[in-house]
Protein backbone atom coordinates (compact mmCIF):
# COMPACT_ATOMS: atom_id res chain seq x y z
CA UNK A 1 56.17 33.89 41.62
CA UNK A 2 59.60 34.59 40.19
CA UNK A 3 60.07 36.97 37.30
CA UNK A 4 62.67 36.15 34.68
CA UNK A 5 60.69 37.72 31.88
CA UNK A 6 60.04 41.44 31.71
CA UNK A 7 56.94 40.93 29.59
CA UNK A 8 55.34 38.70 32.24
CA UNK A 9 55.99 41.21 35.00
CA UNK A 10 54.72 44.10 32.87
CA UNK A 11 51.44 42.35 32.18
CA UNK A 12 50.99 41.53 35.86
CA UNK A 13 51.45 45.19 36.79
CA UNK A 14 49.59 46.84 33.92
CA UNK A 15 46.16 46.91 35.58
CA UNK A 16 47.69 48.18 38.83
CA UNK A 17 49.39 51.21 37.28
CA UNK A 18 46.24 51.87 35.27
CA UNK A 19 44.16 51.84 38.47
CA UNK A 20 46.70 54.04 40.26
CA UNK A 21 46.64 56.46 37.34
CA UNK A 22 42.85 56.49 37.34
CA UNK A 23 42.57 57.43 41.01
CA UNK A 24 45.25 60.11 40.56
CA UNK A 25 43.25 61.66 37.71
CA UNK A 26 40.13 61.62 39.88
CA UNK A 27 41.99 63.60 42.55
CA UNK A 28 43.64 65.76 39.87
CA UNK A 29 40.25 67.19 38.89
CA UNK A 30 39.53 68.19 42.49
CA UNK A 31 41.04 70.79 44.83
CA UNK A 32 43.14 68.21 46.59
CA UNK A 33 44.42 69.00 50.09
CA UNK A 34 48.19 69.21 50.43
CA UNK A 35 50.17 68.13 53.49
CA UNK A 36 53.91 68.25 54.06
CA UNK A 37 56.28 65.51 55.18
CA UNK A 38 59.17 65.93 57.58
CA UNK A 39 61.50 66.81 54.69
CA UNK A 40 59.03 69.56 53.67
CA UNK A 41 58.06 67.76 50.45
CA UNK A 42 54.34 67.81 49.60
CA UNK A 43 52.05 64.80 49.78
CA UNK A 44 48.38 64.37 48.89
CA UNK A 45 45.67 61.76 49.30
CA UNK A 46 46.37 60.82 45.68
CA UNK A 47 49.93 59.73 46.56
CA UNK A 48 48.66 57.56 49.37
CA UNK A 49 45.73 56.03 47.51
CA UNK A 50 47.88 55.14 44.51
CA UNK A 51 50.53 53.57 46.72
CA UNK A 52 47.91 51.39 48.42
CA UNK A 53 46.83 50.02 45.04
CA UNK A 54 50.39 49.26 43.95
CA UNK A 55 51.43 47.63 47.22
CA UNK A 56 48.38 45.38 47.24
CA UNK A 57 49.13 44.22 43.67
CA UNK A 58 52.81 43.60 44.36
CA UNK A 59 51.95 41.65 47.52
CA UNK A 60 49.69 39.40 45.44
CA UNK A 61 52.03 38.73 42.53
CA UNK A 62 55.41 38.70 44.29
CA UNK A 63 54.99 38.32 48.06
CA UNK A 64 58.56 37.07 48.38
CA UNK A 65 60.08 40.31 47.00
CA UNK A 66 60.34 43.25 49.46
CA UNK A 67 58.93 46.62 48.40
CA UNK A 68 60.27 50.02 49.38
CA UNK A 69 57.59 52.59 48.63
CA UNK A 70 57.94 56.34 49.11
CA UNK A 71 54.97 57.09 51.33
CA UNK A 72 55.47 54.04 53.54
CA UNK A 73 59.17 54.93 53.83
CA UNK A 74 58.26 58.48 54.91
CA UNK A 75 56.53 56.87 57.91
CA UNK A 76 59.53 54.68 58.68
CA UNK A 77 58.06 51.53 57.14
CA UNK A 78 61.05 50.10 55.26
CA UNK A 79 61.46 46.32 54.95
CA UNK A 80 64.74 44.47 55.12
CA UNK A 81 65.95 43.86 51.59
CA UNK A 82 68.11 41.31 49.86
CA UNK A 83 69.53 41.39 46.35
CA UNK A 84 66.09 41.72 44.79
CA UNK A 85 63.47 44.30 45.72
CA UNK A 86 60.95 46.71 44.23
CA UNK A 87 61.13 50.49 44.44
CA UNK A 88 57.81 52.30 44.11
CA UNK A 89 57.05 55.98 43.71
CA UNK A 90 53.26 56.09 43.40
CA UNK A 91 53.07 59.73 42.32
CA UNK A 92 56.39 61.10 41.13
CA UNK A 93 56.10 64.83 40.54
CA UNK A 94 53.69 65.72 43.32
CA UNK A 95 54.49 69.43 42.90
CA UNK A 96 53.56 69.21 39.22
CA UNK A 97 50.38 67.32 40.15
CA UNK A 98 49.40 70.03 42.64
CA UNK A 99 50.12 72.76 40.08
CA UNK A 100 47.92 71.01 37.50
CA UNK A 101 50.84 70.12 35.22
CA UNK A 102 50.63 66.85 33.31
CA UNK A 103 54.18 65.87 34.26
CA UNK A 104 53.57 63.36 37.03
CA UNK A 105 54.03 59.60 36.87
CA UNK A 106 53.40 56.24 38.50
CA UNK A 107 56.73 54.43 38.91
CA UNK A 108 57.63 50.80 39.60
CA UNK A 109 61.17 49.44 39.34
CA UNK A 110 62.70 46.06 40.14
CA UNK A 111 66.24 46.03 41.51
CA UNK A 112 68.54 43.02 41.24
CA UNK A 113 72.06 43.07 42.65
CA UNK A 114 72.04 46.88 42.98
CA UNK A 115 70.94 47.44 39.36
CA UNK A 116 67.52 48.51 38.05
CA UNK A 117 66.52 45.60 35.80
CA UNK A 118 62.88 46.46 35.12
CA UNK A 119 60.94 49.70 34.93
CA UNK A 120 57.37 50.82 34.25
CA UNK A 121 56.61 54.55 33.98
CA UNK A 122 53.01 55.69 33.52
CA UNK A 123 51.94 59.31 33.00
CA UNK A 124 48.14 59.09 33.34
CA UNK A 125 47.42 62.70 32.35
CA UNK A 126 48.99 62.15 28.91
CA UNK A 127 48.31 58.38 28.80
CA UNK A 128 52.02 57.72 28.07
CA UNK A 129 53.41 54.38 29.24
CA UNK A 130 57.04 53.25 29.06
CA UNK A 131 58.03 49.66 29.88
CA UNK A 132 61.26 47.70 29.74
CA UNK A 133 60.56 44.39 27.99
CA UNK A 134 64.17 43.17 27.99
CA UNK A 135 67.51 44.41 29.34
CA UNK A 136 67.99 46.21 26.03
CA UNK A 137 64.41 46.94 24.97
CA UNK A 138 61.99 49.71 25.95
CA UNK A 139 58.56 50.26 24.45
CA UNK A 140 56.29 53.28 24.56
CA UNK A 141 52.53 53.06 24.23
CA UNK A 142 49.30 54.77 25.25
CA UNK A 143 47.13 53.54 28.12
CA UNK A 144 43.87 55.27 29.04
CA UNK A 145 43.48 55.40 32.84
CA UNK A 146 39.71 55.24 32.39
CA UNK A 147 39.80 52.55 29.73
CA UNK A 148 39.12 48.82 30.15
CA UNK A 149 41.67 46.44 31.62
CA UNK A 150 44.04 45.28 28.93
CA UNK A 151 47.31 43.49 28.20
CA UNK A 152 50.40 44.75 26.42
CA UNK A 153 49.57 42.68 23.34
CA UNK A 154 46.37 44.72 22.93
CA UNK A 155 48.28 48.02 22.82
CA UNK A 156 50.18 49.65 19.95
CA UNK A 157 53.79 49.46 21.07
CA UNK A 158 56.73 51.43 19.65
CA UNK A 159 60.33 50.64 20.55
CA UNK A 160 62.28 53.66 21.76
CA UNK A 161 66.03 54.16 21.77
CA UNK A 162 68.43 56.94 22.62
CA UNK A 163 69.99 59.03 19.87
CA UNK A 164 73.56 60.14 19.21
CA UNK A 165 73.98 63.81 19.90
CA UNK A 166 74.49 66.02 16.83
CA UNK A 167 77.59 68.17 16.58
CA UNK A 168 75.63 71.41 17.04
CA UNK A 169 75.20 70.83 20.77
CA UNK A 170 73.28 68.94 23.40
CA UNK A 171 69.58 68.93 24.13
CA UNK A 172 69.53 69.24 27.91
CA UNK A 173 66.64 68.55 30.26
CA UNK A 174 66.64 69.65 33.89
CA UNK A 175 64.33 69.41 36.86
CA UNK A 176 61.40 71.80 36.78
CA UNK A 177 61.31 72.11 40.56
CA UNK A 178 64.94 71.56 41.56
CA UNK A 179 67.33 73.59 39.37
CA UNK A 180 70.46 74.33 41.45
CA UNK A 181 73.53 76.51 40.87
CA UNK A 182 75.64 73.33 40.65
CA UNK A 183 73.37 72.02 37.90
CA UNK A 184 73.65 75.31 36.01
CA UNK A 185 77.44 75.27 36.35
CA UNK A 186 77.65 71.72 35.00
CA UNK A 187 75.45 72.53 32.00
CA UNK A 188 77.58 75.61 31.27
CA UNK A 189 80.55 73.34 30.46
CA UNK A 190 78.80 72.03 27.35
CA UNK A 191 77.68 73.24 23.98
CA UNK A 192 73.90 73.36 24.40
CA UNK A 193 71.44 73.74 21.54
CA UNK A 194 68.32 73.44 23.69
CA UNK A 195 67.46 73.50 27.40
CA UNK A 196 64.08 72.43 28.65
CA UNK A 197 62.62 71.74 32.07
CA UNK A 198 60.45 68.76 32.93
CA UNK A 199 59.02 67.08 35.99
CA UNK A 200 59.12 63.55 37.40
CA UNK A 201 60.75 60.51 35.78
CA UNK A 202 59.70 61.84 32.38
CA UNK A 203 63.12 63.52 32.21
CA UNK A 204 64.73 60.09 31.85
CA UNK A 205 62.09 59.12 29.27
CA UNK A 206 62.97 62.14 27.12
CA UNK A 207 66.51 60.79 26.89
CA UNK A 208 65.32 57.23 26.34
CA UNK A 209 63.18 58.17 23.36
CA UNK A 210 65.86 60.33 21.71
CA UNK A 211 64.42 63.76 22.53
CA UNK A 212 67.21 64.83 24.90
CA UNK A 213 70.89 64.06 25.43
CA UNK A 214 71.72 65.07 28.99
CA UNK A 215 69.98 65.29 32.36
CA UNK A 216 72.24 66.39 35.25
CA UNK A 217 70.96 66.31 38.82
CA UNK A 218 73.05 68.11 41.43
CA UNK A 219 70.51 67.94 44.20
CA UNK A 220 69.11 65.35 46.61
CA UNK A 221 67.07 62.44 45.24
CA UNK A 222 65.98 59.16 46.74
CA UNK A 223 66.31 55.77 45.09
CA UNK A 224 62.57 55.54 44.40
CA UNK A 225 62.84 58.86 42.53
CA UNK A 226 65.35 57.54 39.99
CA UNK A 227 65.18 53.75 39.74
CA UNK A 228 62.44 53.44 37.14
CA UNK A 229 63.85 56.18 34.90
CA UNK A 230 67.30 54.66 35.25
CA UNK A 231 65.95 51.25 34.21
CA UNK A 232 64.19 52.72 31.17
CA UNK A 233 67.19 54.77 30.09
CA UNK A 234 69.67 51.90 30.47
CA UNK A 235 67.46 49.58 28.42
CA UNK A 236 67.15 52.25 25.71
CA UNK A 237 70.93 52.57 25.42
CA UNK A 238 71.80 55.33 27.90
CA UNK A 239 73.62 55.54 31.21
CA UNK A 240 73.12 57.12 34.62
CA UNK A 241 76.48 57.90 36.20
CA UNK A 242 77.65 59.45 39.44
CA UNK A 243 79.93 62.49 39.21
CA UNK A 244 82.95 60.16 39.43
CA UNK A 245 81.76 58.17 36.42
CA UNK A 246 80.34 55.09 38.14
CA UNK A 247 76.86 53.64 37.49
CA UNK A 248 74.22 54.70 39.97
CA UNK A 249 73.47 51.81 42.33
CA UNK A 250 70.50 50.85 44.50
CA UNK A 251 69.98 49.35 47.92
CA UNK A 252 72.13 51.91 49.75
CA UNK A 253 70.84 51.01 53.19
CA UNK A 254 73.72 52.83 54.90
CA UNK A 255 72.71 56.06 53.11
CA UNK A 256 69.00 55.64 53.93
CA UNK A 257 68.45 55.16 50.18
CA UNK A 258 69.71 58.66 49.36
CA UNK A 259 71.35 59.02 45.94
CA UNK A 260 74.56 60.90 45.21
CA UNK A 261 74.52 63.58 42.52
CA UNK A 262 74.30 62.04 39.06
CA UNK A 263 74.34 62.71 35.33
CA UNK A 264 72.03 60.85 32.96
CA UNK A 265 73.40 60.52 29.43
CA UNK A 266 71.74 59.31 26.27
CA UNK A 267 75.27 58.61 25.02
CA UNK A 268 78.04 58.98 27.59
CA UNK A 269 80.67 58.97 24.82
CA UNK A 270 79.54 62.46 23.80
CA UNK A 271 80.74 64.10 26.99
CA UNK A 272 84.25 65.02 25.87
CA UNK A 273 83.16 65.99 22.35
CA UNK A 274 80.64 68.55 23.56
CA UNK A 275 82.72 70.50 26.05
CA UNK A 276 82.72 74.25 25.34
């Protein structure tokens, strides 16, 4: 199956992210055992179970499109890719999940020619779902992980867009678990009216829905960490740029899919206007 329509792909994946979210919530209510990967990042049975669900669904609906998924990649299972491939982070925000925060997500992104062209972000603890339905359209809705299977047309959908920053300063969001001195120094250049921390790909969603203006990340991330949020933010009107002002790209095989530092902007034109 080929996907030229975002809506078609979203409907095909809706039950899979719902099922992944459901199993994560089942583990969430338990004292889940935590292991650590070679990079010292935590992993739980919830990460692995959710990834199994998503990979099985993607293999059924798009067997011709390779999938790079975080937990498989951590075991060295990375397929050869072409111009088109999926990036999957089955449980983004594992630290938040372990700490019983609601800020963890199920992430699926489709990459085409190094750009994220489709994204689905699902936060099962809050029931929030964000989906790109066109290159310039993002919707937000609510999906109960324990509810019946459904389609997008059965859900109440609201279009979300970025907002232009007011003159009284930027609303900045930063990583809850990975605030670095470089990130703090970058933020200090700007007039800031509000600084909040958040976990997982929900940081990108805050920008996409107009609740934040800037998300800088001066720390290591992998492509599966950022692709879905990047897709959602781009479709809502924002940009994700490297420190030299170029769009973040995907499929960096030579870098083992490691991202450079980046800055996510709701409106990149505000940068010069908001310098202190």
